[in-house]
Protein backbone atom coordinates (compact mmCIF):
# COMPACT_ATOMS: atom_id res chain seq x y z
CA UNK A 1 87.54 65.20 146.72
CA UNK A 2 87.10 62.38 144.25
CA UNK A 3 83.75 60.64 145.03
CA UNK A 4 85.23 57.36 143.77
CA UNK A 5 87.90 57.27 146.53
CA UNK A 6 85.87 54.98 148.89
CA UNK A 7 85.48 52.43 146.08
CA UNK A 8 89.16 52.75 145.12
CA UNK A 9 90.24 52.24 148.76
CA UNK A 10 88.09 49.14 149.02
CA UNK A 11 89.53 47.75 145.79
CA UNK A 12 93.09 48.51 146.88
CA UNK A 13 92.64 46.82 150.26
CA UNK A 14 92.52 43.49 148.41
CA UNK A 15 95.44 44.28 146.08
CA UNK A 16 98.41 41.93 145.96
CA UNK A 17 101.76 42.80 147.56
CA UNK A 18 103.59 41.49 144.46
CA UNK A 19 105.52 43.72 142.10
CA UNK A 20 103.83 44.99 138.97
CA UNK A 21 102.42 47.92 137.03
CA UNK A 22 99.29 49.95 137.88
CA UNK A 23 97.29 51.81 135.21
CA UNK A 24 95.13 54.75 136.33
CA UNK A 25 92.08 55.59 134.17
CA UNK A 26 89.55 58.43 134.04
CA UNK A 27 85.77 58.08 133.75
CA UNK A 28 86.03 57.73 129.97
CA UNK A 29 88.44 54.84 130.26
CA UNK A 30 91.44 56.89 129.12
CA UNK A 31 94.80 55.99 130.67
CA UNK A 32 96.05 59.03 132.61
CA UNK A 33 98.98 57.58 134.57
CA UNK A 34 101.13 54.44 134.54
CA UNK A 35 103.50 53.48 137.35
CA UNK A 36 105.56 50.55 138.53
CA UNK A 37 105.77 49.21 142.08
CA UNK A 38 107.81 46.72 144.06
CA UNK A 39 104.70 46.30 146.24
CA UNK A 40 101.47 47.09 144.38
CA UNK A 41 99.30 47.22 147.52
CA UNK A 42 101.58 49.67 149.33
CA UNK A 43 102.16 51.95 146.33
CA UNK A 44 98.58 52.22 145.07
CA UNK A 45 97.22 52.65 148.63
CA UNK A 46 99.39 55.77 149.03
CA UNK A 47 97.26 57.58 146.44
CA UNK A 48 93.92 57.01 148.21
CA UNK A 49 94.76 57.25 151.92
CA UNK A 50 93.01 59.76 154.20
CA UNK A 51 94.65 63.19 154.68
CA UNK A 52 97.28 62.65 151.97
CA UNK A 53 100.17 65.11 151.62
CA UNK A 54 100.13 65.04 147.84
CA UNK A 55 101.66 67.68 145.62
CA UNK A 56 99.12 69.71 143.60
CA UNK A 57 99.72 67.70 140.43
CA UNK A 58 99.38 64.35 142.20
CA UNK A 59 96.15 65.61 143.78
CA UNK A 60 94.93 66.62 140.31
CA UNK A 61 95.72 63.15 138.97
CA UNK A 62 94.00 61.39 141.90
CA UNK A 63 90.90 63.59 141.53
CA UNK A 64 90.52 62.29 137.95
CA UNK A 65 90.98 58.57 138.71
CA UNK A 66 87.76 56.64 138.11
CA UNK A 67 89.30 53.19 138.22
CA UNK A 68 92.60 51.41 137.71
CA UNK A 69 93.99 48.19 136.30
CA UNK A 70 97.13 46.36 137.29
CA UNK A 71 99.49 43.77 135.84
CA UNK A 72 101.45 41.52 138.19
CA UNK A 73 105.07 40.72 137.25
CA UNK A 74 107.63 38.27 138.60
CA UNK A 75 110.11 41.00 139.53
CA UNK A 76 110.55 44.74 139.88
CA UNK A 77 112.81 44.63 136.81
CA UNK A 78 110.00 43.14 134.70
CA UNK A 79 107.71 45.87 136.06
CA UNK A 80 110.20 48.52 134.90
CA UNK A 81 110.30 47.12 131.35
CA UNK A 82 106.52 46.87 131.20
CA UNK A 83 106.12 50.43 132.54
CA UNK A 84 108.48 51.77 129.85
CA UNK A 85 106.64 49.90 127.11
CA UNK A 86 103.17 51.02 128.23
CA UNK A 87 104.19 54.66 128.67
CA UNK A 88 105.59 54.75 125.12
CA UNK A 89 102.40 53.18 123.77
CA UNK A 90 99.81 55.27 125.62
CA UNK A 91 101.61 58.55 126.50
CA UNK A 92 99.54 59.17 129.67
CA UNK A 93 98.76 62.76 130.63
CA UNK A 94 100.40 62.68 134.07
CA UNK A 95 103.57 60.76 133.21
CA UNK A 96 106.85 62.42 132.27
CA UNK A 97 106.75 62.44 128.48
CA UNK A 98 109.93 63.21 126.59
CA UNK A 99 109.73 65.73 123.78
CA UNK A 100 112.59 65.38 121.35
CA UNK A 101 112.60 68.87 119.88
CA UNK A 102 114.67 67.94 116.84
CA UNK A 103 114.04 65.55 113.96
CA UNK A 104 116.71 63.24 112.62
CA UNK A 105 119.64 64.43 110.54
CA UNK A 106 122.07 62.58 108.30
CA UNK A 107 125.38 62.91 106.49
CA UNK A 108 125.06 61.94 102.84
CA UNK A 109 127.81 60.64 100.55
CA UNK A 110 126.28 61.08 97.12
CA UNK A 111 126.42 58.65 94.20
CA UNK A 112 128.45 59.29 91.06
CA UNK A 113 132.06 59.23 89.95
CA UNK A 114 133.00 62.09 92.29
CA UNK A 115 130.70 61.92 95.36
CA UNK A 116 130.01 64.91 97.61
CA UNK A 117 129.61 64.95 101.41
CA UNK A 118 126.67 67.01 102.71
CA UNK A 119 124.45 67.30 105.79
CA UNK A 120 120.82 66.40 105.08
CA UNK A 121 117.49 66.42 106.94
CA UNK A 122 116.16 63.29 105.27
CA UNK A 123 117.18 60.30 103.12
CA UNK A 124 115.06 61.05 100.04
CA UNK A 125 117.99 61.35 97.62
CA UNK A 126 120.10 58.40 96.50
CA UNK A 127 123.51 57.85 98.09
CA UNK A 128 125.10 56.47 101.22
CA UNK A 129 123.96 57.89 104.58
CA UNK A 130 125.65 58.11 107.96
CA UNK A 131 123.43 58.56 110.98
CA UNK A 132 120.80 59.27 112.00
CA UNK A 133 122.00 62.17 114.16
CA UNK A 134 119.58 63.86 116.54
CA UNK A 135 121.57 67.10 116.34
CA UNK A 136 121.58 68.96 113.03
CA UNK A 137 124.50 71.06 114.26
CA UNK A 138 126.66 67.99 114.89
CA UNK A 139 125.79 66.54 111.47
CA UNK A 140 126.63 69.81 109.66
CA UNK A 141 129.85 70.45 111.59
CA UNK A 142 131.04 66.89 110.98
CA UNK A 143 130.37 67.14 107.24
CA UNK A 144 132.03 70.57 107.04
CA UNK A 145 135.08 69.33 108.96
CA UNK A 146 135.48 66.30 106.67
CA UNK A 147 135.22 68.49 103.57
CA UNK A 148 137.80 70.92 104.94
CA UNK A 149 140.29 68.37 106.27
CA UNK A 150 140.23 66.23 103.10
CA UNK A 151 139.99 69.27 100.76
CA UNK A 152 136.82 68.00 99.08
CA UNK A 153 134.87 70.20 96.63
CA UNK A 154 131.80 72.05 97.98
CA UNK A 155 131.02 74.12 94.86
CA UNK A 156 128.16 73.60 92.37
CA UNK A 157 130.32 72.26 89.54
CA UNK A 158 129.61 68.78 88.18
CA UNK A 159 132.36 66.24 87.66
CA UNK A 160 133.68 64.99 85.29
CA UNK A 161 131.41 67.16 83.04
CA UNK A 162 132.99 70.45 84.16
CA UNK A 163 136.66 69.39 84.04
CA UNK A 164 138.94 72.16 82.76
CA UNK A 165 136.02 74.41 81.69
CA UNK A 166 137.25 77.26 83.91
CA UNK A 167 139.99 78.08 86.35
CA UNK A 168 139.91 76.57 89.85
CA UNK A 169 137.99 78.74 92.34
CA UNK A 170 139.30 80.56 95.42
CA UNK A 171 138.95 77.43 97.58
CA UNK A 172 141.71 75.77 95.59
CA UNK A 173 144.06 78.73 96.02
CA UNK A 174 143.52 78.92 99.80
CA UNK A 175 144.03 75.13 100.03
CA UNK A 176 140.56 74.13 101.21
CA UNK A 177 139.87 72.21 97.96
CA UNK A 178 142.11 69.82 96.01
CA UNK A 179 140.99 71.30 92.69
CA UNK A 180 139.05 68.38 91.19
CA UNK A 181 137.86 70.77 88.46
CA UNK A 182 141.41 70.78 87.01
CA UNK A 183 140.89 67.15 85.92
CA UNK A 184 144.10 66.04 87.61
CA UNK A 185 142.44 63.90 90.33
CA UNK A 186 141.58 60.39 89.14
CA UNK A 187 138.40 58.56 90.09
CA UNK A 188 140.38 55.95 92.05
CA UNK A 189 142.35 58.57 93.96
CA UNK A 190 139.17 60.50 94.72
CA UNK A 191 137.38 57.30 95.87
CA UNK A 192 140.25 56.56 98.27
CA UNK A 193 139.97 60.06 99.75
CA UNK A 194 136.21 59.65 100.20
CA UNK A 195 136.85 56.38 102.07
CA UNK A 196 139.32 58.18 104.35
CA UNK A 197 136.78 60.96 104.98
CA UNK A 198 134.05 58.41 105.74
CA UNK A 199 136.34 56.62 108.20
CA UNK A 200 137.16 59.98 109.82
CA UNK A 201 133.45 60.79 110.29
CA UNK A 202 132.52 57.34 111.58
CA UNK A 203 135.52 56.45 113.71
CA UNK A 204 137.21 59.74 114.59
CA UNK A 205 140.78 60.81 114.04
CA UNK A 206 142.80 57.96 115.57
CA UNK A 207 141.95 55.23 113.05
CA UNK A 208 142.14 57.67 110.12
CA UNK A 209 145.60 58.81 111.18
CA UNK A 210 146.93 55.26 111.53
CA UNK A 211 145.69 54.29 108.07
CA UNK A 212 146.95 57.44 106.37
CA UNK A 213 150.36 57.19 108.08
CA UNK A 214 150.67 53.61 106.81
CA UNK A 215 149.77 54.73 103.25
CA UNK A 216 152.24 57.63 103.46
CA UNK A 217 155.08 55.29 104.49
CA UNK A 218 154.28 52.89 101.66
CA UNK A 219 154.21 55.76 99.14
CA UNK A 220 157.54 57.04 100.43
CA UNK A 221 159.13 53.58 100.16
CA UNK A 222 157.84 53.34 96.58
CA UNK A 223 159.41 56.75 95.83
CA UNK A 224 155.93 58.26 95.25
CA UNK A 225 156.98 61.44 96.98
CA UNK A 226 154.18 63.62 95.62
CA UNK A 227 151.53 61.22 96.95
CA UNK A 228 153.40 60.95 100.27
CA UNK A 229 153.46 64.76 100.56
CA UNK A 230 149.70 64.96 99.96
CA UNK A 231 149.08 62.34 102.65
CA UNK A 232 151.45 64.17 105.01
CA UNK A 233 149.47 67.40 104.57
CA UNK A 234 146.21 65.53 105.10
CA UNK A 235 147.53 63.93 108.31
CA UNK A 236 148.58 67.37 109.59
CA UNK A 237 145.10 68.73 108.79
CA UNK A 238 143.44 65.92 110.74
CA UNK A 239 145.78 66.49 113.72
CA UNK A 240 145.09 70.23 113.62
CA UNK A 241 141.35 69.62 113.62
CA UNK A 242 141.75 67.21 116.53
CA UNK A 243 143.81 69.66 118.59
CA UNK A 244 141.34 72.45 117.92
CA UNK A 245 138.35 70.58 119.24
CA UNK A 246 138.69 69.13 122.71
CA UNK A 247 135.36 67.37 122.26
CA UNK A 248 136.83 65.33 119.38
CA UNK A 249 140.16 64.52 121.07
CA UNK A 250 138.46 63.05 124.11
CA UNK A 251 139.72 60.38 126.45
CA UNK A 252 136.13 59.09 126.60
CA UNK A 253 135.92 56.15 124.21
CA UNK A 254 132.31 54.97 124.44
CA UNK A 255 130.02 56.90 126.79
CA UNK A 256 126.91 59.03 127.17
CA UNK A 257 127.17 62.19 129.29
CA UNK A 258 123.77 63.28 130.66
CA UNK A 259 123.32 66.87 131.86
CA UNK A 260 120.10 68.34 133.25
CA UNK A 261 118.84 71.89 133.70
CA UNK A 262 115.58 72.62 135.52
CA UNK A 263 113.45 75.68 134.79
CA UNK A 264 110.07 76.85 136.04
CA UNK A 265 108.06 74.84 133.49
CA UNK A 266 110.05 71.62 133.41
CA UNK A 267 113.42 70.11 132.66
CA UNK A 268 115.83 70.07 129.71
CA UNK A 269 118.20 67.11 129.41
CA UNK A 270 121.20 66.96 127.09
CA UNK A 271 122.88 63.68 126.15
CA UNK A 272 126.39 64.06 124.70
CA UNK A 273 127.08 60.85 122.79
CA UNK A 274 130.77 59.88 122.64
CA UNK A 275 131.84 57.04 120.38
CA UNK A 276 135.41 56.11 119.36
CA UNK A 277 137.01 58.96 121.34
CA UNK A 278 134.93 61.69 119.75
CA UNK A 279 131.65 63.50 120.18
CA UNK A 280 129.48 61.59 117.76
CA UNK A 281 126.10 63.19 118.40
CA UNK A 282 124.01 65.23 120.82
CA UNK A 283 120.37 64.75 121.79
CA UNK A 284 118.29 67.36 123.65
CA UNK A 285 114.97 66.63 125.31
CA UNK A 286 112.41 68.85 127.00
CA UNK A 287 109.56 67.72 129.18
CA UNK A 288 107.23 69.04 131.83
CA UNK A 289 107.68 67.78 135.36
CA UNK A 290 104.70 66.09 136.98
CA UNK A 291 105.80 66.04 140.66
CA UNK A 292 104.61 62.43 140.76
CA UNK A 293 107.96 60.77 140.17
CA UNK A 294 110.64 61.55 142.72
CA UNK A 295 113.66 61.11 140.46
CA UNK A 296 113.39 62.79 137.05
CA UNK A 297 116.72 61.36 135.89
CA UNK A 298 115.59 57.81 136.66
CA UNK A 299 112.37 58.25 134.67
CA UNK A 300 114.23 59.84 131.78
CA UNK A 301 116.82 57.06 131.53
CA UNK A 302 114.19 54.33 131.57
CA UNK A 303 112.34 55.86 128.62
CA UNK A 304 115.42 57.02 126.70
CA UNK A 305 117.28 53.69 126.79
CA UNK A 306 114.33 51.31 126.60
CA UNK A 307 114.76 49.11 123.49
CA UNK A 308 117.70 51.26 122.33
CA UNK A 309 120.37 49.35 120.38
CA UNK A 310 123.31 51.77 120.65
CA UNK A 311 124.19 51.34 124.34
CA UNK A 312 127.49 52.83 125.61
CA UNK A 313 129.82 51.12 128.08
CA UNK A 314 129.55 53.99 130.56
CA UNK A 315 126.84 56.56 131.37
CA UNK A 316 127.97 59.63 133.32
CA UNK A 317 125.41 61.67 135.29
CA UNK A 318 125.52 64.29 138.06
CA UNK A 319 123.89 61.84 140.49
CA UNK A 320 123.11 58.14 140.57
CA UNK A 321 119.41 57.62 139.65
CA UNK A 322 117.16 56.00 142.24
CA UNK A 323 116.46 52.93 140.07
CA UNK A 324 120.03 52.60 138.83
CA UNK A 325 120.31 48.85 139.56
CA UNK A 326 117.16 48.13 137.53
CA UNK A 327 118.29 50.47 134.75
CA UNK A 328 121.73 48.81 134.64
CA UNK A 329 120.07 45.42 134.40
CA UNK A 330 117.97 46.65 131.48
CA UNK A 331 121.02 48.13 129.75
CA UNK A 332 123.13 44.99 130.26
CA UNK A 333 120.36 42.89 128.73
CA UNK A 334 120.12 45.18 125.68
CA UNK A 335 123.88 45.50 125.11
CA UNK A 336 126.75 43.09 124.43
CA UNK A 337 128.68 43.88 127.62
CA UNK A 338 128.43 45.38 131.08
CA UNK A 339 127.16 48.96 131.30
CA UNK A 340 128.08 51.18 134.24
CA UNK A 341 126.20 54.25 135.50
CA UNK A 342 128.56 56.57 137.36
CA UNK A 343 129.22 60.12 138.48
CA UNK A 344 132.12 62.02 136.86
CA UNK A 345 135.78 61.59 137.79
CA UNK A 346 138.69 63.79 136.74
CA UNK A 347 138.26 65.25 133.25
CA UNK A 348 134.78 63.74 133.05
CA UNK A 349 133.64 66.58 135.32
CA UNK A 350 134.38 69.07 132.55
CA UNK A 351 132.40 66.99 130.06
CA UNK A 352 129.42 66.84 132.43
CA UNK A 353 129.64 70.62 132.80
CA UNK A 354 129.51 70.85 128.99
CA UNK A 355 126.39 68.64 128.92
CA UNK A 356 124.69 70.73 131.62
CA UNK A 357 125.59 73.92 129.74
CA UNK A 358 123.94 72.52 126.62
CA UNK A 359 120.79 71.80 128.62
CA UNK A 360 120.84 75.24 130.23
CA UNK A 361 121.29 77.06 126.91
CA UNK A 362 118.45 75.08 125.37
CA UNK A 363 116.19 75.83 128.35
CA UNK A 364 117.23 79.49 128.12
CA UNK A 365 116.09 79.76 124.50
CA UNK A 366 112.78 78.13 125.36
CA UNK A 367 112.15 80.43 128.32
CA UNK A 368 113.67 83.75 127.26
CA UNK A 369 116.54 83.41 129.71
CA UNK A 370 120.31 83.09 129.42
CA UNK A 371 122.09 79.84 130.14
CA UNK A 372 124.04 81.54 132.95
CA UNK A 373 120.82 82.55 134.69
CA UNK A 374 119.44 79.01 134.58
CA UNK A 375 122.72 77.48 135.78
CA UNK A 376 122.95 80.08 138.58
CA UNK A 377 119.47 79.28 139.90
CA UNK A 378 120.15 75.54 139.67
CA UNK A 379 123.51 75.86 141.47
CA UNK A 380 121.92 77.96 144.19
CA UNK A 381 119.24 75.35 144.80
CA UNK A 382 121.84 72.59 145.00
CA UNK A 383 124.23 74.38 147.37
CA UNK A 384 121.34 75.30 149.69
CA UNK A 385 119.99 71.74 149.64
CA UNK A 386 116.59 72.73 148.19
CA UNK A 387 114.32 70.16 146.56
CA UNK A 388 114.26 72.17 143.34
CA UNK A 389 115.82 75.36 141.93
CA UNK A 390 114.34 78.48 143.59
CA UNK A 391 112.50 80.12 140.71
CA UNK A 392 110.87 82.86 142.85
CA UNK A 393 113.18 84.53 145.38
CA UNK A 394 112.38 87.38 147.79
CA UNK A 395 115.20 89.34 149.46
CA UNK A 396 114.97 91.85 152.36
CA UNK A 397 117.20 94.59 153.77
CA UNK A 398 116.71 97.05 156.64
CA UNK A 399 117.99 100.61 156.18
CA UNK A 400 118.03 103.55 158.61
CA UNK A 401 119.72 106.75 159.74
CA UNK A 402 120.18 106.16 163.50
CA UNK A 403 116.62 105.75 164.77
CA UNK A 404 115.14 107.97 162.07
CA UNK A 405 113.64 106.86 158.79
CA UNK A 406 113.79 103.11 159.55
CA UNK A 407 112.60 101.32 156.41
CA UNK A 408 112.91 98.00 154.60
CA UNK A 409 113.10 97.03 150.97
CA UNK A 410 111.89 93.80 149.38
CA UNK A 411 113.14 92.83 145.93
CA UNK A 412 112.04 89.83 143.89
CA UNK A 413 114.06 87.73 141.45
CA UNK A 414 112.17 85.35 139.19
CA UNK A 415 114.16 82.78 137.19
CA UNK A 416 117.38 84.64 137.94
CA UNK A 417 116.17 88.12 136.91
CA UNK A 418 114.77 91.11 138.86
CA UNK A 419 110.96 91.29 138.82
CA UNK A 420 110.66 95.00 139.57
CA UNK A 421 106.87 95.19 139.50
CA UNK A 422 106.86 92.87 142.54
CA UNK A 423 109.21 95.05 144.64
CA UNK A 424 107.77 96.37 147.93
CA UNK A 425 108.72 99.09 150.42
CA UNK A 426 108.03 98.98 154.16
CA UNK A 427 108.06 101.73 156.78
CA UNK A 428 108.83 100.36 160.25
CA UNK A 429 105.81 101.20 162.41
CA UNK A 430 106.24 99.37 165.72
CA UNK A 431 109.98 99.80 166.40
CA UNK A 432 110.98 103.31 167.45
CA UNK A 433 114.68 102.60 167.89
CA UNK A 434 117.41 100.98 165.84
CA UNK A 435 117.04 97.18 166.04
CA UNK A 436 117.56 95.24 162.81
CA UNK A 437 116.28 91.92 164.21
CA UNK A 438 112.98 93.32 165.47
CA UNK A 439 112.58 95.48 162.36
CA UNK A 440 113.09 92.45 160.10
CA UNK A 441 110.63 90.46 162.25
CA UNK A 442 107.99 93.20 161.86
CA UNK A 443 108.45 93.42 158.11
CA UNK A 444 108.31 89.65 157.51
CA UNK A 445 105.31 89.28 159.82
CA UNK A 446 103.37 91.82 157.78
CA UNK A 447 104.50 90.32 154.49
CA UNK A 448 103.87 86.62 155.32
CA UNK A 449 100.38 87.26 156.67
CA UNK A 450 99.38 88.31 153.16
CA UNK A 451 100.23 84.77 152.02
CA UNK A 452 98.14 83.22 154.80
CA UNK A 453 95.16 85.57 154.35
CA UNK A 454 95.51 85.92 150.56
CA UNK A 455 94.51 89.58 150.89
CA UNK A 456 97.24 91.30 148.84
CA UNK A 457 98.04 91.72 145.17
CA UNK A 458 99.13 88.81 142.95
CA UNK A 459 102.74 89.13 144.13
CA UNK A 460 102.00 89.52 147.84
CA UNK A 461 99.75 86.46 147.69
CA UNK A 462 102.46 84.35 146.07
CA UNK A 463 104.61 82.04 148.22
CA UNK A 464 108.32 82.44 147.45
CA UNK A 465 110.57 79.41 146.97
CA UNK A 466 113.31 81.12 148.98
CA UNK A 467 113.71 84.12 151.30
CA UNK A 468 117.10 85.82 151.52
CA UNK A 469 117.91 88.28 154.32
CA UNK A 470 120.71 90.83 154.30
CA UNK A 471 122.35 89.53 157.46
CA UNK A 472 123.83 86.55 159.28
CA UNK A 473 122.55 83.57 161.27
CA UNK A 474 120.86 85.80 163.87
CA UNK A 475 118.51 87.18 161.23
CA UNK A 476 117.99 83.69 159.79
CA UNK A 477 117.08 82.15 163.15
CA UNK A 478 114.65 84.99 163.93
CA UNK A 479 112.76 84.71 160.65
CA UNK A 480 112.93 80.90 160.43
CA UNK A 481 111.13 80.76 163.79
CA UNK A 482 108.49 83.18 162.46
CA UNK A 483 107.95 81.14 159.29
CA UNK A 484 107.55 78.01 161.39
CA UNK A 485 105.08 79.74 163.77
CA UNK A 486 102.93 80.82 160.83
CA UNK A 487 102.85 77.27 159.47
CA UNK A 488 104.59 78.09 156.20
CA UNK A 489 107.18 75.98 154.42
CA UNK A 490 109.67 78.53 153.07
CA UNK A 491 113.45 78.19 153.25
CA UNK A 492 115.27 81.17 154.81
CA UNK A 493 118.96 82.06 154.39
CA UNK A 494 121.11 85.11 155.01
CA UNK A 495 123.51 86.99 152.72
CA UNK A 496 126.75 87.71 154.59
CA UNK A 497 129.06 90.58 153.57
CA UNK A 498 132.78 91.00 154.15
CA UNK A 499 134.41 94.11 155.65
CA UNK A 500 134.25 95.77 152.22
CA UNK A 501 130.47 95.23 152.05
CA UNK A 502 130.77 92.59 149.32
CA UNK A 503 129.08 89.18 149.33
CA UNK A 504 131.14 86.64 151.29
CA UNK A 505 128.89 83.65 152.02
CA UNK A 506 125.35 82.45 152.68
CA UNK A 507 124.22 82.07 156.30
CA UNK A 508 122.01 79.21 157.45
CA UNK A 509 120.70 78.76 160.97
CA UNK A 510 123.95 77.38 162.31
CA UNK A 511 126.83 77.98 159.91
CA UNK A 512 127.95 79.65 156.71
CA UNK A 513 127.89 78.17 153.21
CA UNK A 514 130.73 79.22 150.93
CA UNK A 515 129.65 79.85 147.32
CA UNK A 516 132.56 81.77 145.80
CA UNK A 517 133.67 78.59 144.00
CA UNK A 518 130.30 78.47 142.20
CA UNK A 519 130.65 81.51 139.95
CA UNK A 520 127.10 81.69 138.47
CA UNK A 521 125.42 81.21 141.89
CA UNK A 522 127.86 83.63 143.55
CA UNK A 523 127.15 86.33 140.95
CA UNK A 524 123.40 85.82 141.37
CA UNK A 525 123.59 86.24 145.16
CA UNK A 526 125.86 89.27 144.76
CA UNK A 527 123.37 90.81 142.33
CA UNK A 528 120.45 90.16 144.69
CA UNK A 529 122.31 91.60 147.70
CA UNK A 530 123.38 94.72 145.79
CA UNK A 531 119.87 95.26 144.42
CA UNK A 532 118.04 94.92 147.74
CA UNK A 533 120.58 97.22 149.42
CA UNK A 534 120.19 99.85 146.68
CA UNK A 535 116.40 99.66 146.83
CA UNK A 536 116.15 99.97 150.63
CA UNK A 537 118.76 102.76 150.89
CA UNK A 538 117.01 104.80 148.17
CA UNK A 539 113.74 104.48 150.06
CA UNK A 540 115.41 105.48 153.33
CA UNK A 541 116.93 108.59 151.72
CA UNK A 542 113.62 109.60 150.17
CA UNK A 543 111.86 109.18 153.54
CA UNK A 544 114.57 111.16 155.34
CA UNK A 545 114.45 113.91 152.73
CA UNK A 546 110.68 114.08 153.05
CA UNK A 547 110.99 114.42 156.83
CA UNK A 548 113.50 117.25 156.34
CA UNK A 549 111.11 119.04 153.99
CA UNK A 550 108.26 118.55 156.48
CA UNK A 551 110.24 120.10 159.31
CA UNK A 552 111.27 123.10 157.20
CA UNK A 553 107.77 123.72 155.87
CA UNK A 554 106.26 123.42 159.33
CA UNK A 555 108.68 126.08 160.64
CA UNK A 556 106.28 128.63 159.06
CA UNK A 557 103.51 129.74 161.43
CA UNK A 558 100.19 128.36 160.23
CA UNK A 559 101.68 125.36 158.36
CA UNK A 560 101.04 122.05 160.06
CA UNK A 561 101.59 118.42 159.10
CA UNK A 562 98.44 118.11 156.94
CA UNK A 563 99.15 121.27 154.95
CA UNK A 564 102.78 120.23 154.48
CA UNK A 565 101.61 116.87 153.18
CA UNK A 566 99.23 118.55 150.72
CA UNK A 567 102.08 120.67 149.35
CA UNK A 568 104.51 117.75 148.99
CA UNK A 569 101.88 115.54 147.34
CA UNK A 570 101.05 118.30 144.88
CA UNK A 571 104.59 119.20 143.80
CA UNK A 572 106.46 115.91 144.57
CA UNK A 573 109.97 117.18 143.63
CA UNK A 574 112.11 119.97 145.05
CA UNK A 575 112.35 121.56 141.60
CA UNK A 576 108.56 121.72 141.20
CA UNK A 577 108.24 123.12 144.69
CA UNK A 578 110.68 125.96 143.96
CA UNK A 579 108.87 126.80 140.73
CA UNK A 580 105.56 127.27 142.55
CA UNK A 581 104.43 130.90 143.07
CA UNK A 582 103.13 132.25 146.40
CA UNK A 583 99.68 132.29 144.80
CA UNK A 584 100.02 128.59 143.87
CA UNK A 585 101.06 127.72 147.42
CA UNK A 586 98.16 129.72 148.84
CA UNK A 587 95.62 127.74 146.79
CA UNK A 588 97.26 124.33 147.38
CA UNK A 589 97.63 124.64 151.16
CA UNK A 590 94.54 126.82 151.75
CA UNK A 591 96.52 129.61 153.43
CA UNK A 592 96.46 133.42 153.14
CA UNK A 593 98.85 135.16 150.75
CA UNK A 594 101.10 136.57 153.50
CA UNK A 595 101.73 133.09 154.95
CA UNK A 596 102.23 131.81 151.39
CA UNK A 597 104.91 134.45 150.70
CA UNK A 598 106.75 133.52 153.93
CA UNK A 599 106.52 129.84 152.93
CA UNK A 600 107.80 130.65 149.41
CA UNK A 601 110.93 132.33 150.86
CA UNK A 602 111.64 129.24 153.03
CA UNK A 603 111.29 126.99 149.98
CA UNK A 604 113.69 129.11 147.90
CA UNK A 605 116.39 128.62 150.54
CA UNK A 606 115.89 124.85 150.88
């Protein structure tokens, strides 16, 4: 416990009930956490009350607080702005701190008589720059698309110095370059094309098409048919590029689409930036969660949009952030018009899925996982109503042959993948007849007591985020009661099969949850159910086979249970057992040679 808590409680008892910002400091005076509050007294008191139910990270923060400062504001909105500003200045250890993993990227239109369009990582060279873009991929793809659509040169030749020095390259013959090297394209004509390409990159296809169609009609009226034909081909190229990329030909005019993906170390957030009916840019952020702030999205949006000048008219997210009214007020103040935060409608749902996929793929690269695995775990957490995605899942299945060889298998999935070194096998000890409920109760009792007593290996001592049982609501109710009796906070659900023994739904205590419409989550549950069934059945067969061997070995006079066990432990497999000589068996079991020969004949016929 922090020895300064009595002093901090006394100080807080006199704290104002006004809104404001509180600034937690350690013994060296370093700022370790900054927060805002509608009621400073109520919020700060929650950290130092007796018997707090803090998360581990909040407890760690409180244990390091030596003192705190506060700044009173006139409103909660002013507190929000001040909190954003102070967090950006001081970057406290326990606040959510965004990590923009990418630098800035630009599209350069070079100087000279015949400028080139290229993607660049900086602005060191002379020329005109578009951007900055946070995504290097978006910058490069945009530059490449402009060069292809407008048939601009991408070779190393210099113009006009290299006019007519050699034949046009392959790009000219496959119609991806207009052949400037032939010397037939004037500076004025080339400058007009560069302007069209710049407009295409800045404003998307719609404005470019309107302007080029107008120029084509004028050229046709002036009987400049060759120029009109070139413009016609260029218009067709722009339309083809637009049709090919749904993200360019979007009905979203001016919006940010924010998609999140949680993983075991933190959160990745993707912002797809749509401007002028096209995907203009993409920003990806990674940060560690602190467990202090309830709504990660709310904290992210405050920091991301604070003092930002390019504010969209609409921001689409998978849920409305807790401080959305304050955030909207901040955005409206920073922008020219009203900004709306909303959840997706219609085709926007597909765009949000795209944003979440970007976040998931980024998180996957960072954590050696696939995007599908991360999305599956996130979907599963959402459909089950969990506070966070279940990163560590244990699943159980009972397997038996009538009342013989009753066993259970436990498999573990961590971050959507099997963790085979954590698998466990159980032999049912207390139940002598076939009863899946009582067998499951025995197994989970033995397993969960290792968590309470912390007397197992590193996996047995670990508390799972989720327990899945191969069975319906009866199994769930039985084990949920056990978990509650033991004082543990673990969510329990069942995996229900159809008449073809395939996954059908998830069972809770009172009803079934359908998940077949959530493909990644459905495939994850199916994989878990198949794996735990395979593992438990294999163990049951091995136990049954061992019992069969025992009974056959013990049919020989002079061979009891202990000697049978010695033999099976020594040779392990049926093949090794058959290869053993009578002399080997005599030494292993400690029996005379005549008994060993009789035993050898039994083994050969097994």
